[in-house]
Amino acid sequence: MTLKDSNRVKFTDKKFDTTISEGKFINTLFERLVALKITFKNVDFRYCIFDSAYLRNCSFESCDFTGSKKQINKTPTLNFALFEVRG
């Protein structure tokens, strides 16, 4: 058996600061992603991992999250992951 590279793209400490339309982020790892009051329209987030993401007051219109998941990293005193979706 051999293991092959999954070709997962990784973004660390990034921020969405404008409306995102027709985006493709298939098989992407988002570490410490931030988005505040952002609208996502027809964005493909299939098989993405949101690790310690902070998405607040965002709206997702016709977006695909098939197979995606959020990771929540917890320490004894803090929870670094918040995933709040409105829309």
C-alpha atoms as a PDB file:
ATOM      1  CA  MET A   1       0.000   0.000   0.000  1.00  0.00           C
ATOM      2  CA  THR A   2       1.267   3.462  -0.855  1.00  0.00           C
ATOM      3  CA  LEU A   3       0.000   6.787   0.387  1.00  0.00           C
ATOM      4  CA  LYS A   4      -0.473   9.544  -2.142  1.00  0.00           C
ATOM      5  CA  ASP A   5      -0.613  13.282  -1.652  1.00  0.00           C
ATOM      6  CA  SER A   6      -4.204  14.519  -1.298  1.00  0.00           C
ATOM      7  CA  ASN A   7      -3.373  17.858  -2.960  1.00  0.00           C
ATOM      8  CA  ARG A   8      -5.170  19.672  -0.146  1.00  0.00           C
ATOM      9  CA  VAL A   9      -4.539  23.427  -0.295  1.00  0.00           C
ATOM     10  CA  LYS A  10      -3.824  25.089   3.063  1.00  0.00           C
ATOM     11  CA  PHE A  11      -4.569  28.700   4.045  1.00  0.00           C
ATOM     12  CA  THR A  12      -3.380  29.857   7.477  1.00  0.00           C
ATOM     13  CA  ASP A  13      -4.297  33.137   9.228  1.00  0.00           C
ATOM     14  CA  LYS A  14      -6.331  34.524   6.307  1.00  0.00           C
ATOM     15  CA  LYS A  15      -9.359  36.834   6.215  1.00  0.00           C
ATOM     16  CA  PHE A  16     -12.201  37.234   3.726  1.00  0.00           C
ATOM     17  CA  ASP A  17     -12.993  40.960   3.518  1.00  0.00           C
ATOM     18  CA  THR A  18     -15.345  41.210   0.539  1.00  0.00           C
ATOM     19  CA  THR A  19     -18.249  39.306  -1.047  1.00  0.00           C
ATOM     20  CA  ILE A  20     -17.136  36.028  -2.614  1.00  0.00           C
ATOM     21  CA  SER A  21     -19.002  34.835  -5.728  1.00  0.00           C
ATOM     22  CA  GLU A  22     -18.490  31.657  -7.751  1.00  0.00           C
ATOM     23  CA  GLY A  23     -15.416  30.658  -5.696  1.00  0.00           C
ATOM     24  CA  LYS A  24     -13.936  27.164  -5.651  1.00  0.00           C
ATOM     25  CA  PHE A  25     -12.161  25.980  -2.514  1.00  0.00           C
ATOM     26  CA  ILE A  26     -12.522  22.217  -2.975  1.00  0.00           C
ATOM     27  CA  ASN A  27     -10.425  20.123  -0.531  1.00  0.00           C
ATOM     28  CA  THR A  28      -9.038  23.200   1.260  1.00  0.00           C
ATOM     29  CA  LEU A  29      -7.791  23.439   4.841  1.00  0.00           C
ATOM     30  CA  PHE A  30      -8.558  26.813   6.428  1.00  0.00           C
ATOM     31  CA  GLU A  31      -6.598  27.390   9.656  1.00  0.00           C
ATOM     32  CA  ARG A  32      -7.685  30.364  11.774  1.00  0.00           C
ATOM     33  CA  LEU A  33      -9.846  31.781   8.968  1.00  0.00           C
ATOM     34  CA  VAL A  34     -11.737  35.014   9.716  1.00  0.00           C
ATOM     35  CA  ALA A  35     -14.821  36.449   7.992  1.00  0.00           C
ATOM     36  CA  LEU A  36     -17.151  39.114   9.413  1.00  0.00           C
ATOM     37  CA  LYS A  37     -20.409  40.083   7.673  1.00  0.00           C
ATOM     38  CA  ILE A  38     -19.332  38.503   4.373  1.00  0.00           C
ATOM     39  CA  THR A  39     -21.713  37.135   1.744  1.00  0.00           C
ATOM     40  CA  PHE A  40     -20.684  33.949  -0.046  1.00  0.00           C
ATOM     41  CA  LYS A  41     -22.626  33.229  -3.273  1.00  0.00           C
ATOM     42  CA  ASN A  42     -22.351  29.943  -5.184  1.00  0.00           C
ATOM     43  CA  VAL A  43     -19.074  29.027  -3.489  1.00  0.00           C
ATOM     44  CA  ASP A  44     -17.834  25.433  -3.581  1.00  0.00           C
ATOM     45  CA  PHE A  45     -16.488  24.393  -0.154  1.00  0.00           C
ATOM     46  CA  ARG A  46     -16.704  20.628  -0.786  1.00  0.00           C
ATOM     47  CA  TYR A  47     -14.429  18.542   1.475  1.00  0.00           C
ATOM     48  CA  CYS A  48     -13.013  21.619   3.242  1.00  0.00           C
ATOM     49  CA  ILE A  49     -11.806  21.660   6.829  1.00  0.00           C
ATOM     50  CA  PHE A  50     -12.377  24.799   8.886  1.00  0.00           C
ATOM     51  CA  ASP A  51      -9.850  24.611  11.736  1.00  0.00           C
ATOM     52  CA  SER A  52     -10.311  27.299  14.400  1.00  0.00           C
ATOM     53  CA  ALA A  53     -12.382  29.439  12.018  1.00  0.00           C
ATOM     54  CA  TYR A  54     -14.229  32.581  13.109  1.00  0.00           C
ATOM     55  CA  LEU A  55     -17.117  33.245  10.710  1.00  0.00           C
ATOM     56  CA  ARG A  56     -19.568  35.753  12.155  1.00  0.00           C
ATOM     57  CA  ASN A  57     -22.748  37.202  10.645  1.00  0.00           C
ATOM     58  CA  CYS A  58     -21.907  35.704   7.246  1.00  0.00           C
ATOM     59  CA  SER A  59     -24.472  34.532   4.718  1.00  0.00           C
ATOM     60  CA  PHE A  60     -24.051  31.547   2.420  1.00  0.00           C
ATOM     61  CA  GLU A  61     -26.246  31.564  -0.703  1.00  0.00           C
ATOM     62  CA  SER A  62     -26.253  28.363  -2.782  1.00  0.00           C
ATOM     63  CA  CYS A  63     -22.910  27.201  -1.354  1.00  0.00           C
ATOM     64  CA  ASP A  64     -21.881  23.534  -1.322  1.00  0.00           C
ATOM     65  CA  PHE A  65     -20.438  22.170   1.947  1.00  0.00           C
ATOM     66  CA  THR A  66     -20.601  18.468   0.999  1.00  0.00           C
ATOM     67  CA  GLY A  67     -18.085  16.524   3.097  1.00  0.00           C
ATOM     68  CA  SER A  68     -16.823  19.629   4.903  1.00  0.00           C
ATOM     69  CA  LYS A  69     -16.219  19.818   8.627  1.00  0.00           C
ATOM     70  CA  LYS A  70     -15.174  22.211  11.323  1.00  0.00           C
ATOM     71  CA  GLN A  71     -12.457  21.484  13.827  1.00  0.00           C
ATOM     72  CA  ILE A  72     -12.684  23.012  17.270  1.00  0.00           C
ATOM     73  CA  ASN A  73      -9.437  23.326  19.167  1.00  0.00           C
ATOM     74  CA  LYS A  74     -10.039  23.667  22.874  1.00  0.00           C
ATOM     75  CA  THR A  75      -7.687  24.574  25.668  1.00  0.00           C
ATOM     76  CA  PRO A  76      -8.667  24.366  29.337  1.00  0.00           C
ATOM     77  CA  THR A  77      -9.671  28.051  29.380  1.00  0.00           C
ATOM     78  CA  LEU A  78     -10.402  29.097  25.793  1.00  0.00           C
ATOM     79  CA  ASN A  79     -12.355  27.913  22.780  1.00  0.00           C
ATOM     80  CA  PHE A  80     -10.694  29.322  19.681  1.00  0.00           C
ATOM     81  CA  ALA A  81     -13.309  28.241  17.131  1.00  0.00           C
ATOM     82  CA  LEU A  82     -16.572  29.991  16.442  1.00  0.00           C
ATOM     83  CA  PHE A  83     -18.689  29.187  13.413  1.00  0.00           C
ATOM     84  CA  GLU A  84     -21.790  31.344  13.239  1.00  0.00           C
ATOM     85  CA  VAL A  85     -23.870  31.325  10.059  1.00  0.00           C
ATOM     86  CA  ARG A  86     -26.821  33.520   9.257  1.00  0.00           C
ATOM     87  CA  GLY A  87     -28.742  33.603   6.064  1.00  0.00           C
END
